[in-house]
Protein backbone atom coordinates (compact mmCIF):
# COMPACT_ATOMS: atom_id res chain seq x y z
CA MET A 1 67.84 246.15 -25.75
CA THR A 2 69.53 249.11 -24.70
CA GLN A 3 70.28 251.46 -27.75
CA ALA A 4 74.03 252.13 -28.21
CA THR A 5 75.34 255.24 -27.77
CA ALA A 6 77.80 257.07 -29.89
CA LEU A 7 80.80 258.32 -28.14
CA ARG A 8 82.99 260.81 -29.69
CA VAL A 9 87.07 261.13 -28.84
CA GLN A 10 88.00 264.34 -29.74
CA ALA A 11 91.57 264.34 -30.90
CA PHE A 12 94.10 267.07 -31.27
CA THR A 13 97.84 267.46 -32.64
CA THR A 14 99.28 270.69 -31.95
CA GLY A 15 102.60 272.39 -32.86
CA ASP A 16 103.06 274.84 -29.95
CA VAL A 17 102.87 274.85 -26.29
CA ALA A 18 100.20 277.57 -25.90
CA ALA A 19 97.63 275.43 -28.33
CA GLN A 20 98.76 272.52 -26.13
CA CYS A 21 97.61 273.96 -22.77
CA SER A 22 94.25 275.20 -24.32
CA ALA A 23 93.25 272.10 -25.67
CA THR A 24 91.81 270.40 -22.13
CA PRO A 25 88.35 272.25 -21.40
CA GLY A 26 88.29 273.62 -17.62
CA TRP A 27 91.67 273.22 -17.18
CA VAL A 28 93.54 276.84 -15.98
CA GLN A 29 97.17 276.49 -17.01
CA GLN A 30 100.07 278.13 -18.57
CA TYR A 31 102.89 275.97 -20.41
CA GLN A 32 106.35 277.07 -21.48
CA GLN A 33 108.75 274.84 -23.48
CA MET A 34 112.05 274.00 -21.53
CA SER A 35 114.14 271.75 -24.16
CA PRO A 36 115.16 272.29 -27.25
CA GLY A 37 113.02 270.81 -30.38
CA HIS A 38 110.07 271.40 -32.59
CA PHE A 39 107.02 271.01 -29.99
CA ALA A 40 104.70 268.05 -31.02
CA GLY A 41 102.08 267.40 -28.58
CA ARG A 42 98.91 265.23 -28.92
CA ILE A 43 95.45 265.50 -26.75
CA ARG A 44 92.80 262.96 -26.72
CA TYR A 45 89.64 263.62 -24.84
CA LEU A 46 86.14 261.86 -24.01
CA ASP A 47 83.34 263.34 -22.18
CA LEU A 48 81.12 260.99 -20.47
CA GLN A 49 78.12 263.18 -18.71
CA GLY A 50 80.57 264.89 -16.51
CA VAL A 51 83.42 262.51 -16.21
CA GLU A 52 86.63 263.20 -18.45
CA VAL A 53 88.53 260.93 -19.40
CA TYR A 54 92.26 262.49 -21.59
CA GLU A 55 95.31 261.73 -22.76
CA GLU A 56 98.13 264.26 -23.26
CA CYS A 57 101.51 263.40 -24.99
CA MET A 58 104.12 265.97 -25.51
CA ASN A 59 107.62 265.66 -26.70
CA THR A 60 109.90 268.60 -25.08
CA ARG A 61 110.06 268.99 -21.42
CA VAL A 62 107.15 271.44 -20.46
CA GLU A 63 106.63 273.65 -17.36
CA GLN A 64 103.07 273.32 -16.40
CA HIS A 65 101.42 275.99 -14.04
CA PHE A 66 98.17 274.68 -13.39
CA ASN A 67 94.77 274.48 -11.63
CA ALA A 68 92.20 271.21 -12.15
CA PRO A 69 88.49 272.46 -13.11
CA ALA A 70 87.04 274.14 -9.93
CA GLY A 71 85.41 271.38 -7.67
CA SER A 72 86.82 268.32 -9.48
CA LEU A 73 89.00 265.41 -8.45
CA ALA A 74 91.36 264.19 -11.02
CA PHE A 75 93.29 260.78 -11.19
CA CYS A 76 96.34 261.57 -13.37
CA PHE A 77 98.31 258.37 -14.20
CA ASP A 78 102.03 259.76 -15.32
CA GLY A 79 103.81 257.45 -17.77
CA SER A 80 107.46 258.39 -17.06
CA ASP A 81 107.01 256.91 -13.60
CA ASN A 82 103.99 254.87 -13.52
CA ALA A 83 102.61 256.90 -10.50
CA LEU A 84 99.36 258.17 -9.88
CA TYR A 85 99.07 261.86 -8.74
CA LEU A 86 95.74 262.92 -7.47
CA LEU A 87 94.69 266.82 -8.41
CA ASN A 88 91.98 269.31 -7.12
CA GLY A 89 90.70 272.44 -8.27
CA GLU A 90 91.51 274.09 -5.19
CA SER A 91 95.43 273.99 -5.09
CA ARG A 92 97.68 275.47 -8.04
CA ASN A 93 100.28 273.44 -9.23
CA THR A 94 103.74 273.55 -10.69
CA TRP A 95 105.37 270.63 -12.47
CA ILE A 96 108.13 270.34 -15.10
CA THR A 97 107.27 267.15 -17.24
CA PRO A 98 110.26 265.06 -18.69
CA GLU A 99 110.70 264.61 -22.49
CA ASN A 100 108.60 262.40 -24.47
CA TYR A 101 106.09 262.45 -21.61
CA ARG A 102 102.72 261.12 -21.48
CA GLU A 103 99.85 261.00 -19.01
CA VAL A 104 96.41 259.34 -18.89
CA ALA A 105 93.46 261.13 -16.50
CA VAL A 106 90.01 260.34 -15.18
CA VAL A 107 88.83 263.58 -14.18
CA PHE A 108 85.22 263.59 -11.82
CA GLY A 109 83.59 267.00 -12.26
CA PRO A 110 82.14 268.86 -9.21
CA GLN A 111 78.69 267.50 -9.87
CA PHE A 112 79.82 264.10 -9.79
CA VAL A 113 81.94 264.38 -7.07
CA GLN A 114 79.15 266.28 -4.81
CA ARG A 115 76.40 263.59 -6.12
CA HIS A 116 78.97 260.52 -5.06
CA GLY A 117 79.83 262.25 -1.96
CA LEU A 118 83.63 262.11 -2.63
CA GLU A 119 85.40 263.17 0.41
CA VAL A 120 87.95 265.54 -1.33
CA ALA A 121 89.52 267.15 2.22
CA THR A 122 90.23 263.27 3.46
CA LEU A 123 92.74 263.26 0.33
CA GLU A 124 94.41 266.36 1.55
CA GLY A 125 97.92 265.30 1.76
CA LEU A 126 97.92 263.07 -1.04
CA PHE A 127 97.59 265.70 -3.69
CA MET A 128 100.55 265.91 -6.25
CA ALA A 129 102.75 263.25 -4.02
CA PRO A 130 103.75 260.19 -5.99
CA LEU A 131 101.55 257.02 -5.51
CA THR A 132 102.68 253.82 -6.58
CA GLY A 133 101.17 250.33 -7.15
CA GLN A 134 101.17 247.42 -9.20
CA GLN A 135 97.83 248.46 -11.30
CA ASN A 136 98.96 251.96 -11.94
CA ALA A 137 100.31 250.93 -15.59
CA LEU A 138 97.87 248.63 -16.12
CA PHE A 139 95.16 251.16 -15.66
CA ALA A 140 96.94 253.77 -17.70
CA ARG A 141 97.14 251.20 -20.06
CA TRP A 142 93.58 249.96 -20.39
CA LEU A 143 92.48 253.88 -20.44
CA SER A 144 94.67 254.65 -23.60
CA GLY A 145 93.41 251.47 -25.08
CA THR A 146 90.01 252.61 -24.39
CA LEU A 147 90.12 255.83 -25.88
CA THR A 148 91.73 253.95 -29.00
CA ARG A 149 88.74 251.59 -29.60
CA LEU A 150 85.84 253.20 -28.16
CA SER A 151 83.27 254.32 -30.80
CA THR A 152 80.00 252.86 -29.13
CA VAL A 153 78.91 251.91 -25.90
CA SER A 154 75.73 250.41 -24.54
CA ASP A 155 75.45 251.82 -21.32
CA PRO A 156 77.79 255.14 -20.66
CA ALA A 157 76.47 254.94 -16.78
CA ALA A 158 77.95 251.38 -16.24
CA LEU A 159 81.39 252.95 -17.81
CA ILE A 160 81.61 255.80 -15.40
CA GLN A 161 81.03 253.66 -12.24
CA GLN A 162 83.56 251.44 -13.39
CA LEU A 163 86.11 253.92 -13.92
CA LEU A 164 85.08 255.45 -10.16
CA ASP A 165 85.29 252.08 -8.96
CA ASP A 166 88.76 251.26 -10.35
CA CYS A 167 90.02 254.53 -9.81
CA LEU A 168 88.94 254.49 -5.68
CA PHE A 169 90.29 250.68 -5.57
CA ILE A 170 93.79 251.72 -7.12
CA LEU A 171 93.85 254.48 -4.62
CA ASP A 172 93.25 252.19 -1.95
CA ASN A 173 96.26 249.88 -2.76
CA ALA A 174 98.76 252.74 -3.37
CA CYS A 175 101.35 253.82 -1.45
CA VAL A 176 103.19 256.98 -1.07
CA CYS A 177 106.79 255.85 -2.56
CA LEU A 178 108.97 258.67 -0.63
CA ASP A 179 110.28 257.81 3.41
CA ARG A 180 108.92 260.77 5.72
CA SER A 181 112.19 263.00 5.33
CA SER A 182 112.14 262.91 1.60
CA LEU A 183 108.26 263.69 1.45
CA GLN A 184 109.10 266.44 3.69
CA ARG A 185 111.88 267.78 1.35
CA ARG A 186 109.73 267.32 -1.43
CA ASN A 187 107.12 269.12 -0.06
CA GLU A 188 108.96 271.89 0.96
CA GLU A 189 110.60 272.05 -2.62
CA ARG A 190 106.92 272.18 -4.11
CA ARG A 191 106.35 274.84 -1.53
CA LEU A 192 108.98 276.99 -3.14
CA MET A 193 108.08 276.24 -6.72
CA ALA A 194 104.40 276.84 -5.95
CA ARG A 195 105.33 280.46 -4.66
CA ILE A 196 107.31 280.85 -8.09
CA GLY A 197 104.83 279.32 -9.86
CA GLU A 198 101.73 281.30 -8.62
CA TRP A 199 103.95 284.62 -9.35
CA ALA A 200 104.72 283.31 -12.65
CA ALA A 201 101.47 282.24 -13.55
CA ASP A 202 100.13 285.92 -12.55
CA ALA A 203 102.88 287.58 -14.14
CA PRO A 204 103.91 285.96 -17.28
CA ASP A 205 105.31 289.12 -18.70
CA GLU A 206 107.50 290.21 -16.25
CA THR A 207 111.01 289.98 -15.91
CA VAL A 208 113.16 289.51 -12.69
CA ASN A 209 116.81 288.87 -11.80
CA LEU A 210 118.10 286.27 -9.35
CA LEU A 211 117.82 287.85 -6.19
CA GLU A 212 114.16 289.28 -6.99
CA LEU A 213 113.17 285.60 -7.63
CA ALA A 214 114.82 284.55 -4.35
CA GLN A 215 112.66 287.40 -2.60
CA ILE A 216 109.63 286.14 -4.36
CA ALA A 217 110.07 282.46 -3.02
CA GLY A 218 110.77 283.71 0.17
CA VAL A 219 114.20 281.82 0.71
CA PRO A 220 117.90 282.99 0.64
CA LEU A 221 119.30 282.63 -2.68
CA ARG A 222 121.19 279.48 -2.00
CA GLN A 223 118.21 277.54 -1.04
CA LEU A 224 116.49 278.62 -4.13
CA GLN A 225 119.26 277.56 -5.83
CA GLN A 226 119.33 273.96 -4.21
CA GLY A 227 115.39 273.23 -4.47
CA PHE A 228 115.31 274.71 -8.41
CA LYS A 229 118.41 272.15 -9.05
CA THR A 230 116.55 269.33 -7.42
CA TYR A 231 113.02 269.99 -8.48
CA THR A 232 113.47 270.76 -11.99
CA GLY A 233 117.03 269.79 -13.25
CA MET A 234 118.22 273.35 -14.15
CA SER A 235 119.51 276.61 -12.18
CA PRO A 236 117.19 279.51 -11.53
CA ALA A 237 119.37 281.42 -13.68
CA GLN A 238 118.72 278.69 -16.77
CA TRP A 239 114.83 278.93 -15.70
CA LEU A 240 114.29 282.51 -15.77
CA ARG A 241 116.34 282.55 -19.26
CA LEU A 242 114.07 279.78 -20.77
CA ARG A 243 111.18 281.91 -19.45
CA ARG A 244 112.25 285.07 -21.28
CA LEU A 245 112.64 282.83 -24.38
CA ASN A 246 109.22 281.51 -24.19
CA GLY A 247 107.62 285.14 -23.55
CA ALA A 248 109.58 286.71 -26.42
CA ARG A 249 107.98 283.73 -28.59
CA ARG A 250 104.24 284.48 -27.08
CA GLU A 251 104.88 287.96 -28.27
CA LEU A 252 106.18 287.02 -31.88
CA LEU A 253 103.36 284.75 -32.36
CA ASN A 254 100.89 287.72 -31.26
CA SER A 255 102.69 290.39 -33.07
CA THR A 256 100.50 293.24 -34.54
CA GLY A 257 103.56 295.30 -36.29
CA THR A 258 106.31 294.86 -33.85
CA THR A 259 110.06 293.73 -35.05
CA VAL A 260 112.44 291.24 -33.96
CA ALA A 261 114.57 293.85 -32.29
CA GLU A 262 111.83 295.10 -29.93
CA VAL A 263 110.48 292.12 -29.11
CA ALA A 264 114.43 290.97 -27.80
CA MET A 265 114.60 294.10 -25.87
CA ASN A 266 110.95 294.00 -24.33
CA TRP A 267 112.53 290.83 -23.01
CA SER A 268 116.12 292.06 -21.79
CA PHE A 269 117.84 290.44 -24.37
CA TRP A 270 120.03 293.29 -25.68
CA HIS A 271 122.26 291.15 -28.04
CA LEU A 272 120.27 290.48 -31.05
CA GLY A 273 122.71 287.60 -32.49
CA ARG A 274 122.85 286.06 -29.10
CA PHE A 275 118.78 286.12 -28.64
CA SER A 276 118.48 284.88 -32.16
CA ASN A 277 120.88 281.68 -31.22
CA SER A 278 119.17 281.02 -28.32
CA TYR A 279 115.92 281.07 -29.61
CA ARG A 280 116.87 279.04 -32.64
CA ALA A 281 118.41 276.72 -30.01
CA LEU A 282 114.82 276.03 -28.43
CA PHE A 283 112.68 276.21 -30.91
CA LYS A 284 114.48 275.26 -33.96
CA GLU A 285 113.42 277.99 -35.92
CA LEU A 286 114.50 281.71 -36.16
CA PRO A 287 112.48 284.40 -34.29
CA SER A 288 112.27 286.03 -37.84
CA GLU A 289 110.55 282.69 -38.92
CA THR A 290 107.93 282.93 -36.14
CA LEU A 291 107.18 286.57 -36.73
CA LYS A 292 106.69 285.96 -40.75
CA ARG A 293 104.30 282.94 -39.35
CA SER A 294 102.21 285.16 -37.07
CA VAL A 295 101.88 287.65 -39.83
């Protein structure tokens, strides 16, 4: 008789996007809060000998710049549109989640990918494209339920093989939900946002104006505005302002003797009262309260 092997599901609750983005091991990512409210996040995570299952929940809109773990292949089931998104460790991705977002994912690590001969190169056109299928929502619910119920398993290898077989089956039966012209337009918007996302990830503490942002994206200002509105649901100016507020929050949380006024000016907020009001509207606390918490 096979000895049951205990599996420990790690669970984290977070109150800030910075803590949320560091809770999934191996991922290189930056998060920024993009809608008002006290942030509340949750991560549940299970490591199965190089194959990982995790569930992520967040209550506010969050902008994510991220890379999957190097050499990996990730199957991510998005609860907001019941779509499957494929990710790999080579591409840098930019994504803004809706409010009350939930995602369940299976990440096959690099050694597993190599050992099973998974041809990542053949999937190139499918990365970050929304893939629809009848099984997506059912499989995501099963994964979430597995994380809830799992305390022991008689054969982890059998569960890993089931995860691989199921993910590949769902991929084989999925379809791209956009027509050719819509897919091309979405890819153009993604490339535009990817250029901006790479800049934002590499220079998180740099401030720019709209014209400079258009130069970074390599497009005219009007195209920047149209692509931004379609992809993020907000204007570039609003995005820049939210980005500066998130930068100010990071600085306040890591403060070593600075003042709210100094932080505000570091992020090009020249009117302290307006800065405090905007900050409180987004994070539901005054910048002075954040500063006190950091101290």
